[in-house]
């Protein structure tokens, strides 16, 4: 009984030290500048950048993984911001999209 109490105490101590030694947060990482598809089309006409469209749904696990693992990466965010106008497009949205004078439902 005493042996397992010591193991528990040492484990609790190790966990608490792990939280204390956690590195301090750094400056805010660059994030992708997401815009609407309408805004991206206007900006692309002005500067000639291509449009990157991330089509997602709220229930998609891979979409959430892409947000956390890929789009949160500083190098990826910087590259996308420098070379594209990024659009997050919900595949199940109900709102109409007006693009180049055409309405899409």
Protein backbone atom coordinates (compact mmCIF):
# COMPACT_ATOMS: atom_id res chain seq x y z
CA UNK A 1 0.00 0.00 0.00
CA UNK A 2 2.78 2.43 0.93
CA UNK A 3 4.64 1.54 -2.25
CA UNK A 4 1.69 2.48 -4.52
CA UNK A 5 1.18 5.72 -2.54
CA UNK A 6 4.80 6.70 -3.24
CA UNK A 7 4.39 5.90 -6.94
CA UNK A 8 1.23 8.01 -7.09
CA UNK A 9 2.95 10.90 -5.29
CA UNK A 10 5.97 10.77 -7.63
CA UNK A 11 3.72 10.63 -10.71
CA UNK A 12 1.70 13.63 -9.49
CA UNK A 13 4.92 15.53 -8.82
CA UNK A 14 6.28 14.72 -12.29
CA UNK A 15 3.06 15.88 -13.94
CA UNK A 16 3.02 19.14 -11.98
CA UNK A 17 6.66 19.84 -12.92
CA UNK A 18 5.77 19.17 -16.54
CA UNK A 19 3.15 21.91 -16.43
CA UNK A 20 5.54 24.31 -14.70
CA UNK A 21 8.30 23.72 -17.29
CA UNK A 22 6.00 24.27 -20.24
CA UNK A 23 7.57 26.90 -22.52
CA UNK A 24 6.08 30.38 -22.45
CA UNK A 25 3.82 31.19 -25.38
CA UNK A 26 5.62 32.94 -28.23
CA UNK A 27 4.38 35.84 -30.30
CA UNK A 28 1.21 35.19 -32.23
CA UNK A 29 1.81 32.89 -35.17
CA UNK A 30 0.85 34.13 -38.60
CA UNK A 31 -2.64 33.11 -39.61
CA UNK A 32 -4.20 32.73 -43.00
CA UNK A 33 -6.15 35.78 -44.08
CA UNK A 34 -9.48 34.11 -44.99
CA UNK A 35 -11.85 36.22 -47.09
CA UNK A 36 -15.22 35.61 -48.72
CA UNK A 37 -15.31 34.27 -52.25
CA UNK A 38 -16.75 37.56 -53.46
CA UNK A 39 -13.93 39.53 -51.82
CA UNK A 40 -11.31 37.11 -53.19
CA UNK A 41 -12.65 37.59 -56.73
CA UNK A 42 -12.38 41.38 -56.41
CA UNK A 43 -8.87 41.20 -54.96
CA UNK A 44 -7.73 38.71 -57.62
CA UNK A 45 -8.85 41.10 -60.36
CA UNK A 46 -6.74 43.85 -58.78
CA UNK A 47 -3.50 41.96 -58.13
CA UNK A 48 -3.68 38.81 -60.28
CA UNK A 49 -3.18 36.35 -57.40
CA UNK A 50 -4.90 33.00 -57.68
CA UNK A 51 -7.71 31.98 -55.33
CA UNK A 52 -7.31 29.03 -52.96
CA UNK A 53 -10.68 27.63 -51.86
CA UNK A 54 -10.90 25.33 -48.84
CA UNK A 55 -14.25 23.54 -49.16
CA UNK A 56 -15.28 22.19 -45.77
CA UNK A 57 -18.24 21.05 -43.68
CA UNK A 58 -18.78 21.45 -39.94
CA UNK A 59 -18.86 17.67 -39.39
CA UNK A 60 -15.74 16.81 -41.42
CA UNK A 61 -12.97 15.43 -39.21
CA UNK A 62 -10.30 15.73 -41.92
CA UNK A 63 -11.26 19.37 -42.46
CA UNK A 64 -10.68 20.07 -38.77
CA UNK A 65 -7.36 18.21 -38.88
CA UNK A 66 -6.33 20.33 -41.87
CA UNK A 67 -7.15 23.51 -39.90
CA UNK A 68 -5.15 22.38 -36.85
CA UNK A 69 -2.20 20.68 -38.50
CA UNK A 70 -1.68 22.38 -41.85
CA UNK A 71 -3.27 25.81 -41.88
CA UNK A 72 -1.94 26.56 -38.38
CA UNK A 73 1.65 26.02 -39.61
CA UNK A 74 3.41 29.41 -39.86
CA UNK A 75 5.25 28.54 -43.08
CA UNK A 76 2.05 27.37 -44.76
CA UNK A 77 0.15 30.47 -43.60
CA UNK A 78 2.88 32.82 -44.86
CA UNK A 79 3.06 31.03 -48.21
CA UNK A 80 -0.71 31.08 -48.73
CA UNK A 81 -1.00 34.75 -47.73
CA UNK A 82 1.83 35.72 -50.08
CA UNK A 83 0.57 33.80 -53.12
CA UNK A 84 -3.19 33.39 -52.85
CA UNK A 85 -6.45 34.90 -51.71
CA UNK A 86 -7.74 32.21 -49.34
CA UNK A 87 -11.43 31.36 -49.09
CA UNK A 88 -13.09 29.03 -46.57
CA UNK A 89 -16.23 27.78 -48.24
CA UNK A 90 -18.83 25.78 -46.29
CA UNK A 91 -20.13 23.16 -48.69
CA UNK A 92 -23.46 23.04 -46.83
CA UNK A 93 -24.15 26.75 -46.57
CA UNK A 94 -27.62 27.98 -47.45
CA UNK A 95 -26.68 31.57 -48.38
CA UNK A 96 -26.54 32.56 -52.01
CA UNK A 97 -23.18 33.40 -53.54
CA UNK A 98 -22.99 36.20 -56.09
CA UNK A 99 -19.92 35.98 -58.30
CA UNK A 100 -19.31 37.98 -61.49
CA UNK A 101 -22.98 38.96 -61.64
CA UNK A 102 -24.28 35.39 -61.32
CA UNK A 103 -26.15 34.09 -58.30
CA UNK A 104 -25.37 30.59 -57.09
CA UNK A 105 -27.62 28.74 -54.65
